[in-house]
Amino acid sequence: MRVKEILNNYELCIADIEVMLNGETRSAPTLCVTDGHEVIPLNTPDGRPIQMNKANAIQLGDGKWV
């Protein structure tokens, strides 16, 4: 394994993410990364860790915390 690049424009955060699971709305504090414009969760809605993927990004609207 090797480090290809260090991404300096992201920082770790914990976001209260809301999801629909089995027809029920649930929310939980979730480890994420953010660039100030979008938040990318680092685990699945059921808590399993995943690799950072821009396809999972959640837009923050006007670029500010909501």
PDB file of N, CA and C in Angstrom:
ATOM      1  N   MET A   1       0.852  -1.167   0.000  1.00  0.00           N
ATOM      2  CA  MET A   1       0.000   0.000   0.000  1.00  0.00           C
ATOM      3  C   MET A   1       0.900   1.233   0.000  1.00  0.00           C
ATOM      4  N   ARG A   2       0.448   2.302  -0.674  1.00  0.00           N
ATOM      5  CA  ARG A   2       1.231   3.539  -0.691  1.00  0.00           C
ATOM      6  C   ARG A   2       0.304   4.742  -0.742  1.00  0.00           C
ATOM      7  N   VAL A   3       0.807   5.879  -0.283  1.00  0.00           N
ATOM      8  CA  VAL A   3       0.050   7.132  -0.345  1.00  0.00           C
ATOM      9  C   VAL A   3       0.344   7.775  -1.693  1.00  0.00           C
ATOM     10  N   LYS A   4      -0.672   7.965  -2.505  1.00  0.00           N
ATOM     11  CA  LYS A   4      -0.500   8.603  -3.807  1.00  0.00           C
ATOM     12  C   LYS A   4      -0.538  10.114  -3.700  1.00  0.00           C
ATOM     13  N   GLU A   5      -1.395  10.636  -2.804  1.00  0.00           N
ATOM     14  CA  GLU A   5      -1.584  12.083  -2.703  1.00  0.00           C
ATOM     15  C   GLU A   5      -2.283  12.392  -1.383  1.00  0.00           C
ATOM     16  N   ILE A   6      -1.947  13.519  -0.793  1.00  0.00           N
ATOM     17  CA  ILE A   6      -2.642  13.988   0.402  1.00  0.00           C
ATOM     18  C   ILE A   6      -3.558  15.127  -0.024  1.00  0.00           C
ATOM     19  N   LEU A   7      -4.841  14.984   0.262  1.00  0.00           N
ATOM     20  CA  LEU A   7      -5.838  15.971  -0.142  1.00  0.00           C
ATOM     21  C   LEU A   7      -5.953  17.029   0.948  1.00  0.00           C
ATOM     22  N   ASN A   8      -5.464  18.222   0.690  1.00  0.00           N
ATOM     23  CA  ASN A   8      -5.434  19.288   1.686  1.00  0.00           C
ATOM     24  C   ASN A   8      -6.720  20.093   1.767  1.00  0.00           C
ATOM     25  N   ASN A   9      -7.579  19.999   0.763  1.00  0.00           N
ATOM     26  CA  ASN A   9      -8.765  20.850   0.738  1.00  0.00           C
ATOM     27  C   ASN A   9      -9.970  20.226   1.453  1.00  0.00           C
ATOM     28  N   TYR A  10      -9.765  19.116   2.169  1.00  0.00           N
ATOM     29  CA  TYR A  10     -10.841  18.473   2.928  1.00  0.00           C
ATOM     30  C   TYR A  10     -10.493  18.458   4.405  1.00  0.00           C
ATOM     31  N   GLU A  11     -11.525  18.489   5.243  1.00  0.00           N
ATOM     32  CA  GLU A  11     -11.305  18.319   6.675  1.00  0.00           C
ATOM     33  C   GLU A  11     -12.342  17.351   7.229  1.00  0.00           C
ATOM     34  N   LEU A  12     -11.961  16.655   8.289  1.00  0.00           N
ATOM     35  CA  LEU A  12     -12.883  15.725   8.939  1.00  0.00           C
ATOM     36  C   LEU A  12     -13.956  16.486   9.695  1.00  0.00           C
ATOM     37  N   CYS A  13     -15.148  15.935   9.716  1.00  0.00           N
ATOM     38  CA  CYS A  13     -16.230  16.518  10.507  1.00  0.00           C
ATOM     39  C   CYS A  13     -17.176  15.397  10.920  1.00  0.00           C
ATOM     40  N   ILE A  14     -18.013  15.695  11.871  1.00  0.00           N
ATOM     41  CA  ILE A  14     -19.087  14.776  12.252  1.00  0.00           C
ATOM     42  C   ILE A  14     -20.391  15.485  11.926  1.00  0.00           C
ATOM     43  N   ALA A  15     -21.174  14.882  11.034  1.00  0.00           N
ATOM     44  CA  ALA A  15     -22.437  15.480  10.594  1.00  0.00           C
ATOM     45  C   ALA A  15     -23.597  14.609  11.071  1.00  0.00           C
ATOM     46  N   ASP A  16     -24.692  15.239  11.460  1.00  0.00           N
ATOM     47  CA  ASP A  16     -25.908  14.506  11.813  1.00  0.00           C
ATOM     48  C   ASP A  16     -26.644  14.231  10.506  1.00  0.00           C
ATOM     49  N   ILE A  17     -26.489  13.033   9.972  1.00  0.00           N
ATOM     50  CA  ILE A  17     -27.035  12.659   8.665  1.00  0.00           C
ATOM     51  C   ILE A  17     -28.380  11.964   8.858  1.00  0.00           C
ATOM     52  N   GLU A  18     -29.362  12.364   8.054  1.00  0.00           N
ATOM     53  CA  GLU A  18     -30.702  11.778   8.105  1.00  0.00           C
ATOM     54  C   GLU A  18     -30.913  10.923   6.861  1.00  0.00           C
ATOM     55  N   VAL A  19     -31.384   9.694   7.044  1.00  0.00           N
ATOM     56  CA  VAL A  19     -31.636   8.771   5.929  1.00  0.00           C
ATOM     57  C   VAL A  19     -32.961   8.042   6.150  1.00  0.00           C
ATOM     58  N   MET A  20     -33.503   7.502   5.052  1.00  0.00           N
ATOM     59  CA  MET A  20     -34.676   6.636   5.118  1.00  0.00           C
ATOM     60  C   MET A  20     -34.186   5.190   5.101  1.00  0.00           C
ATOM     61  N   LEU A  21     -34.528   4.420   6.134  1.00  0.00           N
ATOM     62  CA  LEU A  21     -34.188   2.999   6.205  1.00  0.00           C
ATOM     63  C   LEU A  21     -35.454   2.220   6.528  1.00  0.00           C
ATOM     64  N   ASN A  22     -35.799   1.291   5.656  1.00  0.00           N
ATOM     65  CA  ASN A  22     -36.996   0.455   5.856  1.00  0.00           C
ATOM     66  C   ASN A  22     -38.250   1.289   6.086  1.00  0.00           C
ATOM     67  N   GLY A  23     -38.395   2.389   5.321  1.00  0.00           N
ATOM     68  CA  GLY A  23     -39.573   3.234   5.423  1.00  0.00           C
ATOM     69  C   GLY A  23     -39.602   4.137   6.643  1.00  0.00           C
ATOM     70  N   GLU A  24     -38.495   4.223   7.357  1.00  0.00           N
ATOM     71  CA  GLU A  24     -38.402   5.002   8.584  1.00  0.00           C
ATOM     72  C   GLU A  24     -37.281   6.033   8.447  1.00  0.00           C
ATOM     73  N   THR A  25     -37.521   7.267   8.904  1.00  0.00           N
ATOM     74  CA  THR A  25     -36.476   8.288   8.888  1.00  0.00           C
ATOM     75  C   THR A  25     -35.627   8.139  10.138  1.00  0.00           C
ATOM     76  N   ARG A  26     -34.309   8.004   9.928  1.00  0.00           N
ATOM     77  CA  ARG A  26     -33.376   7.873  11.048  1.00  0.00           C
ATOM     78  C   ARG A  26     -32.239   8.862  10.862  1.00  0.00           C
ATOM     79  N   SER A  27     -31.625   9.256  11.966  1.00  0.00           N
ATOM     80  CA  SER A  27     -30.453  10.125  11.884  1.00  0.00           C
ATOM     81  C   SER A  27     -29.440   9.688  12.923  1.00  0.00           C
ATOM     82  N   ALA A  28     -28.169   9.969  12.617  1.00  0.00           N
ATOM     83  CA  ALA A  28     -27.096   9.606  13.538  1.00  0.00           C
ATOM     84  C   ALA A  28     -25.866  10.442  13.216  1.00  0.00           C
ATOM     85  N   PRO A  29     -25.047  10.743  14.224  1.00  0.00           N
ATOM     86  CA  PRO A  29     -23.776  11.411  13.962  1.00  0.00           C
ATOM     87  C   PRO A  29     -22.909  10.496  13.090  1.00  0.00           C
ATOM     88  N   THR A  30     -22.354  11.056  12.019  1.00  0.00           N
ATOM     89  CA  THR A  30     -21.622  10.277  11.028  1.00  0.00           C
ATOM     90  C   THR A  30     -20.287  10.934  10.730  1.00  0.00           C
ATOM     91  N   LEU A  31     -19.210  10.150  10.739  1.00  0.00           N
ATOM     92  CA  LEU A  31     -17.898  10.665  10.370  1.00  0.00           C
ATOM     93  C   LEU A  31     -17.893  10.970   8.876  1.00  0.00           C
ATOM     94  N   CYS A  32     -17.491  12.195   8.520  1.00  0.00           N
ATOM     95  CA  CYS A  32     -17.513  12.651   7.133  1.00  0.00           C
ATOM     96  C   CYS A  32     -16.264  13.482   6.845  1.00  0.00           C
ATOM     97  N   VAL A  33     -16.084  13.819   5.579  1.00  0.00           N
ATOM     98  CA  VAL A  33     -15.131  14.847   5.179  1.00  0.00           C
ATOM     99  C   VAL A  33     -15.919  15.931   4.469  1.00  0.00           C
ATOM    100  N   THR A  34     -15.418  17.165   4.533  1.00  0.00           N
ATOM    101  CA  THR A  34     -16.090  18.273   3.866  1.00  0.00           C
ATOM    102  C   THR A  34     -15.067  19.207   3.242  1.00  0.00           C
ATOM    103  N   ASP A  35     -15.492  19.859   2.177  1.00  0.00           N
ATOM    104  CA  ASP A  35     -14.694  20.928   1.576  1.00  0.00           C
ATOM    105  C   ASP A  35     -15.409  22.265   1.747  1.00  0.00           C
ATOM    106  N   GLY A  36     -16.477  22.300   2.547  1.00  0.00           N
ATOM    107  CA  GLY A  36     -17.251  23.509   2.771  1.00  0.00           C
ATOM    108  C   GLY A  36     -18.434  23.650   1.834  1.00  0.00           C
ATOM    109  N   HIS A  37     -18.448  22.887   0.747  1.00  0.00           N
ATOM    110  CA  HIS A  37     -19.542  22.933  -0.224  1.00  0.00           C
ATOM    111  C   HIS A  37     -20.346  21.642  -0.239  1.00  0.00           C
ATOM    112  N   GLU A  38     -19.698  20.553   0.156  1.00  0.00           N
ATOM    113  CA  GLU A  38     -20.364  19.263   0.195  1.00  0.00           C
ATOM    114  C   GLU A  38     -19.778  18.430   1.327  1.00  0.00           C
ATOM    115  N   VAL A  39     -20.555  17.444   1.759  1.00  0.00           N
ATOM    116  CA  VAL A  39     -20.140  16.527   2.815  1.00  0.00           C
ATOM    117  C   VAL A  39     -20.135  15.127   2.219  1.00  0.00           C
ATOM    118  N   ILE A  40     -19.073  14.373   2.480  1.00  0.00           N
ATOM    119  CA  ILE A  40     -18.973  13.005   1.982  1.00  0.00           C
ATOM    120  C   ILE A  40     -18.904  12.063   3.185  1.00  0.00           C
ATOM    121  N   PRO A  41     -19.944  11.248   3.398  1.00  0.00           N
ATOM    122  CA  PRO A  41     -19.933  10.296   4.515  1.00  0.00           C
ATOM    123  C   PRO A  41     -18.830   9.251   4.338  1.00  0.00           C
ATOM    124  N   LEU A  42     -18.241   8.826   5.453  1.00  0.00           N
ATOM    125  CA  LEU A  42     -17.199   7.806   5.427  1.00  0.00           C
ATOM    126  C   LEU A  42     -17.703   6.464   5.949  1.00  0.00           C
ATOM    127  N   ASN A  43     -19.030   6.330   6.065  1.00  0.00           N
ATOM    128  CA  ASN A  43     -19.621   5.027   6.367  1.00  0.00           C
ATOM    129  C   ASN A  43     -21.022   4.959   5.765  1.00  0.00           C
ATOM    130  N   THR A  44     -21.562   3.750   5.708  1.00  0.00           N
ATOM    131  CA  THR A  44     -22.899   3.541   5.156  1.00  0.00           C
ATOM    132  C   THR A  44     -23.947   3.907   6.207  1.00  0.00           C
ATOM    133  N   PRO A  45     -25.219   4.051   5.810  1.00  0.00           N
ATOM    134  CA  PRO A  45     -26.256   4.391   6.791  1.00  0.00           C
ATOM    135  C   PRO A  45     -26.365   3.392   7.948  1.00  0.00           C
ATOM    136  N   ASP A  46     -25.945   2.146   7.731  1.00  0.00           N
ATOM    137  CA  ASP A  46     -26.000   1.169   8.835  1.00  0.00           C
ATOM    138  C   ASP A  46     -24.683   1.082   9.607  1.00  0.00           C
ATOM    139  N   GLY A  47     -23.734   2.004   9.341  1.00  0.00           N
ATOM    140  CA  GLY A  47     -22.529   2.119  10.159  1.00  0.00           C
ATOM    141  C   GLY A  47     -21.282   1.435   9.647  1.00  0.00           C
ATOM    142  N   ARG A  48     -21.348   0.750   8.516  1.00  0.00           N
ATOM    143  CA  ARG A  48     -20.149   0.088   7.985  1.00  0.00           C
ATOM    144  C   ARG A  48     -19.226   1.108   7.327  1.00  0.00           C
ATOM    145  N   PRO A  49     -17.910   1.041   7.577  1.00  0.00           N
ATOM    146  CA  PRO A  49     -16.979   1.995   6.967  1.00  0.00           C
ATOM    147  C   PRO A  49     -16.849   1.763   5.462  1.00  0.00           C
ATOM    148  N   ILE A  50     -16.671   2.864   4.718  1.00  0.00           N
ATOM    149  CA  ILE A  50     -16.465   2.800   3.269  1.00  0.00           C
ATOM    150  C   ILE A  50     -15.352   3.764   2.886  1.00  0.00           C
ATOM    151  N   GLN A  51     -14.796   3.602   1.693  1.00  0.00           N
ATOM    152  CA  GLN A  51     -13.805   4.548   1.198  1.00  0.00           C
ATOM    153  C   GLN A  51     -14.505   5.823   0.757  1.00  0.00           C
ATOM    154  N   MET A  52     -13.796   6.943   0.872  1.00  0.00           N
ATOM    155  CA  MET A  52     -14.350   8.226   0.434  1.00  0.00           C
ATOM    156  C   MET A  52     -14.691   8.144  -1.050  1.00  0.00           C
ATOM    157  N   ASN A  53     -15.913   8.524  -1.401  1.00  0.00           N
ATOM    158  CA  ASN A  53     -16.372   8.455  -2.783  1.00  0.00           C
ATOM    159  C   ASN A  53     -17.191   9.708  -3.086  1.00  0.00           C
ATOM    160  N   LYS A  54     -16.731  10.520  -4.050  1.00  0.00           N
ATOM    161  CA  LYS A  54     -17.434  11.758  -4.410  1.00  0.00           C
ATOM    162  C   LYS A  54     -18.863  11.486  -4.874  1.00  0.00           C
ATOM    163  N   ALA A  55     -19.152  10.270  -5.331  1.00  0.00           N
ATOM    164  CA  ALA A  55     -20.514   9.933  -5.757  1.00  0.00           C
ATOM    165  C   ALA A  55     -21.488   9.952  -4.577  1.00  0.00           C
ATOM    166  N   ASN A  56     -20.980   9.856  -3.343  1.00  0.00           N
ATOM    167  CA  ASN A  56     -21.824   9.877  -2.145  1.00  0.00           C
ATOM    168  C   ASN A  56     -21.959  11.271  -1.548  1.00  0.00           C
ATOM    169  N   ALA A  57     -21.442  12.294  -2.217  1.00  0.00           N
ATOM    170  CA  ALA A  57     -21.430  13.655  -1.665  1.00  0.00           C
ATOM    171  C   ALA A  57     -22.845  14.205  -1.491  1.00  0.00           C
ATOM    172  N   ILE A  58     -23.027  14.949  -0.396  1.00  0.00           N
ATOM    173  CA  ILE A  58     -24.288  15.629  -0.098  1.00  0.00           C
ATOM    174  C   ILE A  58     -24.005  17.122  -0.164  1.00  0.00           C
ATOM    175  N   GLN A  59     -24.686  17.834  -1.061  1.00  0.00           N
ATOM    176  CA  GLN A  59     -24.474  19.270  -1.223  1.00  0.00           C
ATOM    177  C   GLN A  59     -24.972  20.023   0.005  1.00  0.00           C
ATOM    178  N   LEU A  60     -24.274  21.106   0.356  1.00  0.00           N
ATOM    179  CA  LEU A  60     -24.649  21.916   1.516  1.00  0.00           C
ATOM    180  C   LEU A  60     -25.462  23.144   1.136  1.00  0.00           C
ATOM    181  N   GLY A  61     -26.042  23.183  -0.030  1.00  0.00           N
ATOM    182  CA  GLY A  61     -26.872  24.325  -0.423  1.00  0.00           C
ATOM    183  C   GLY A  61     -26.023  25.494  -0.867  1.00  0.00           C
ATOM    184  N   ASP A  62     -25.975  26.567  -0.052  1.00  0.00           N
ATOM    185  CA  ASP A  62     -25.240  27.773  -0.430  1.00  0.00           C
ATOM    186  C   ASP A  62     -23.767  27.705  -0.050  1.00  0.00           C
ATOM    187  N   GLY A  63     -23.263  26.528   0.296  1.00  0.00           N
ATOM    188  CA  GLY A  63     -21.860  26.377   0.633  1.00  0.00           C
ATOM    189  C   GLY A  63     -21.556  26.625   2.095  1.00  0.00           C
ATOM    190  N   LYS A  64     -22.593  26.813   2.909  1.00  0.00           N
ATOM    191  CA  LYS A  64     -22.405  27.039   4.341  1.00  0.00           C
ATOM    192  C   LYS A  64     -23.021  25.887   5.105  1.00  0.00           C
ATOM    193  N   TRP A  65     -22.597  25.724   6.361  1.00  0.00           N
ATOM    194  CA  TRP A  65     -23.182  24.696   7.214  1.00  0.00           C
ATOM    195  C   TRP A  65     -24.659  24.993   7.391  1.00  0.00           C
ATOM    196  N   VAL A  66     -25.452  23.958   7.350  1.00  0.00           N
ATOM    197  CA  VAL A  66     -26.893  24.115   7.548  1.00  0.00           C
ATOM    198  C   VAL A  66     -27.324  23.491   8.853  1.00  0.00           C
TER     199      VAL A  66
END
